[in-house]
Amino acid sequence: MAESGHDLADACRKCGSYCCTYYALPLDEPEDKNDYDDLRWFLMHEGNYIYIEDGDWYLNVMARCGYLLPSGRCAAYRMRPRICREHGGVEDPCEYYSEYTFEKTFLSPEEIEKHAVAMLGLDRDEVEGWFIHEDEGFWSDGQ
């Protein structure tokens, strides 16, 4: 049993070792147009999303651990990193036993663009041409 009082081995079998299929990195809260444009870049990559939790910003990257076996067990268990060893305890509860709810989640560049416009107090005329949209993309045949 882990510190949290839950059987983590049982949880890993039940949830498919979800915690081994992504990682989240802290982000600085965006302050200007360039910061938001950088966030758009992250969201242009498949499987990424940005979320805000307790006022802090994070980039979530969906990337399966190279040591996760098809069985859901860890091939590097005895030498796993500290992050893995501490996951599932009181400070970092297992996702299987937790209900994660984020203040805000951004799944696409367009969502972060809308947020940028609202947070920076801009109107649509002020951001005309700021972001390139699908029909105006770099690779389009239109001039």
Protein backbone atom coordinates (compact mmCIF):
# COMPACT_ATOMS: atom_id res chain seq x y z
CA MET A 1 0.00 0.00 0.00
CA ALA A 2 1.22 3.51 -0.81
CA GLU A 3 1.20 6.44 1.58
CA SER A 4 -2.16 7.47 0.16
CA GLY A 5 -3.68 4.22 1.45
CA HIS A 6 -4.37 2.85 -2.02
CA ASP A 7 -2.95 -0.23 -3.67
CA LEU A 8 -1.01 1.36 -6.53
CA ALA A 9 -0.15 -1.91 -8.25
CA ASP A 10 -3.86 -2.63 -8.48
CA ALA A 11 -4.53 0.89 -9.76
CA CYS A 12 -1.83 0.55 -12.44
CA ARG A 13 -3.42 -2.64 -13.72
CA LYS A 14 -6.88 -1.07 -13.78
CA CYS A 15 -6.03 2.24 -15.46
CA GLY A 16 -3.40 1.02 -17.91
CA SER A 17 -0.56 3.01 -16.35
CA TYR A 18 -1.95 6.31 -17.65
CA CYS A 19 0.68 8.31 -15.72
CA CYS A 20 3.35 6.70 -17.92
CA THR A 21 1.81 8.02 -21.14
CA TYR A 22 2.32 11.76 -20.67
CA TYR A 23 4.29 14.39 -18.81
CA ALA A 24 3.44 17.94 -17.81
CA LEU A 25 5.85 20.84 -17.74
CA PRO A 26 5.28 24.11 -15.88
CA LEU A 27 4.91 27.23 -18.01
CA ASP A 28 5.26 30.90 -17.19
CA GLU A 29 1.92 32.66 -17.29
CA PRO A 30 1.72 34.47 -20.64
CA GLU A 31 2.03 38.24 -20.41
CA ASP A 32 2.08 39.49 -23.98
CA LYS A 33 1.39 38.65 -27.60
CA ASN A 34 4.71 36.83 -28.05
CA ASP A 35 4.09 34.61 -25.01
CA TYR A 36 0.68 33.62 -26.38
CA ASP A 37 2.19 32.99 -29.80
CA ASP A 38 4.69 30.58 -28.19
CA LEU A 39 1.79 28.74 -26.54
CA ARG A 40 0.07 28.49 -29.92
CA TRP A 41 3.20 26.75 -31.22
CA PHE A 42 2.96 24.08 -28.50
CA LEU A 43 -0.69 23.49 -29.40
CA MET A 44 0.12 23.04 -33.07
CA HIS A 45 1.73 19.72 -32.16
CA GLU A 46 -0.56 16.70 -31.91
CA GLY A 47 -1.32 15.39 -28.46
CA ASN A 48 -0.32 18.53 -26.56
CA TYR A 49 -2.63 20.64 -24.48
CA ILE A 50 -2.21 23.44 -21.98
CA TYR A 51 -4.04 23.67 -18.71
CA ILE A 52 -4.27 25.93 -15.70
CA GLU A 53 -4.40 24.29 -12.27
CA ASP A 54 -4.46 26.32 -9.05
CA GLY A 55 -3.41 29.39 -11.04
CA ASP A 56 -0.34 27.67 -12.51
CA TRP A 57 0.10 27.00 -16.24
CA TYR A 58 1.26 23.64 -17.62
CA LEU A 59 2.01 22.05 -20.97
CA ASN A 60 0.81 18.46 -21.14
CA VAL A 61 2.71 16.31 -23.64
CA MET A 62 1.25 12.95 -24.56
CA ALA A 63 4.32 10.71 -24.86
CA ARG A 64 4.44 7.10 -23.75
CA CYS A 65 7.43 6.20 -21.57
CA GLY A 66 9.94 4.08 -23.46
CA TYR A 67 10.20 1.74 -20.46
CA LEU A 68 6.47 1.00 -20.19
CA LEU A 69 5.91 -2.63 -21.14
CA PRO A 70 2.80 -3.77 -23.04
CA SER A 71 1.63 -5.33 -19.77
CA GLY A 72 1.55 -1.86 -18.17
CA ARG A 73 4.52 -2.66 -15.94
CA CYS A 74 7.77 -0.70 -15.79
CA ALA A 75 10.88 -2.25 -17.34
CA ALA A 76 13.03 0.16 -15.29
CA TYR A 77 11.16 -0.19 -12.00
CA ARG A 78 14.21 -0.68 -9.79
CA MET A 79 16.01 2.31 -11.34
CA ARG A 80 13.01 4.51 -12.12
CA PRO A 81 13.41 8.29 -11.69
CA ARG A 82 12.38 10.13 -8.53
CA ILE A 83 9.28 11.53 -10.26
CA CYS A 84 8.05 7.98 -10.81
CA ARG A 85 8.98 6.80 -7.30
CA GLU A 86 7.09 9.67 -5.67
CA HIS A 87 4.03 9.49 -7.92
CA GLY A 88 0.99 8.07 -6.22
CA GLY A 89 1.82 9.34 -2.75
CA VAL A 90 0.10 12.00 -0.67
CA GLU A 91 1.82 14.90 -2.47
CA ASP A 92 1.23 13.54 -5.99
CA PRO A 93 -1.87 11.34 -6.00
CA CYS A 94 -2.42 8.69 -8.63
CA GLU A 95 -4.79 9.76 -11.42
CA TYR A 96 -6.79 6.59 -10.95
CA TYR A 97 -7.85 7.70 -7.48
CA SER A 98 -8.04 11.43 -8.24
CA GLU A 99 -10.53 13.60 -10.03
CA TYR A 100 -8.45 16.09 -11.93
CA THR A 101 -10.32 19.22 -12.87
CA PHE A 102 -8.52 22.16 -14.37
CA GLU A 103 -9.52 25.79 -14.17
CA LYS A 104 -9.04 26.08 -17.91
CA THR A 105 -7.86 23.77 -20.68
CA PHE A 106 -6.65 24.79 -24.15
CA LEU A 107 -6.71 22.09 -26.81
CA SER A 108 -6.06 24.13 -29.96
CA PRO A 109 -4.20 27.23 -31.16
CA GLU A 110 -7.58 28.90 -31.76
CA GLU A 111 -8.59 28.43 -28.12
CA ILE A 112 -5.41 30.07 -26.82
CA GLU A 113 -5.86 32.87 -29.39
CA LYS A 114 -9.35 33.64 -28.05
CA HIS A 115 -7.98 33.62 -24.52
CA ALA A 116 -5.16 35.97 -25.54
CA VAL A 117 -7.59 38.45 -27.07
CA ALA A 118 -9.70 38.43 -23.90
CA MET A 119 -6.80 38.58 -21.43
CA LEU A 120 -4.84 41.27 -23.26
CA GLY A 121 -7.96 43.41 -23.69
CA LEU A 122 -7.71 43.48 -27.47
CA ASP A 123 -10.45 43.62 -30.06
CA ARG A 124 -10.44 41.64 -33.30
CA ASP A 125 -9.23 44.65 -35.34
CA GLU A 126 -6.10 44.90 -33.17
CA VAL A 127 -5.14 41.30 -33.86
CA GLU A 128 -5.95 41.30 -37.58
CA GLY A 129 -3.15 39.30 -39.20
CA TRP A 130 -1.62 38.47 -35.81
CA PHE A 131 -2.38 34.79 -36.18
CA ILE A 132 -2.32 32.90 -39.46
CA HIS A 133 -5.43 30.81 -39.94
CA GLU A 134 -5.93 27.63 -41.92
CA ASP A 135 -7.17 29.33 -45.10
CA GLU A 136 -4.26 31.81 -45.00
CA GLY A 137 -1.54 29.34 -44.02
CA PHE A 138 2.07 29.50 -45.08
CA TRP A 139 1.67 26.54 -47.41
CA SER A 140 -1.53 27.74 -49.10
CA ASP A 141 -1.47 28.32 -52.86
CA GLY A 142 -3.22 31.67 -52.48
CA GLN A 143 -1.12 34.82 -52.72
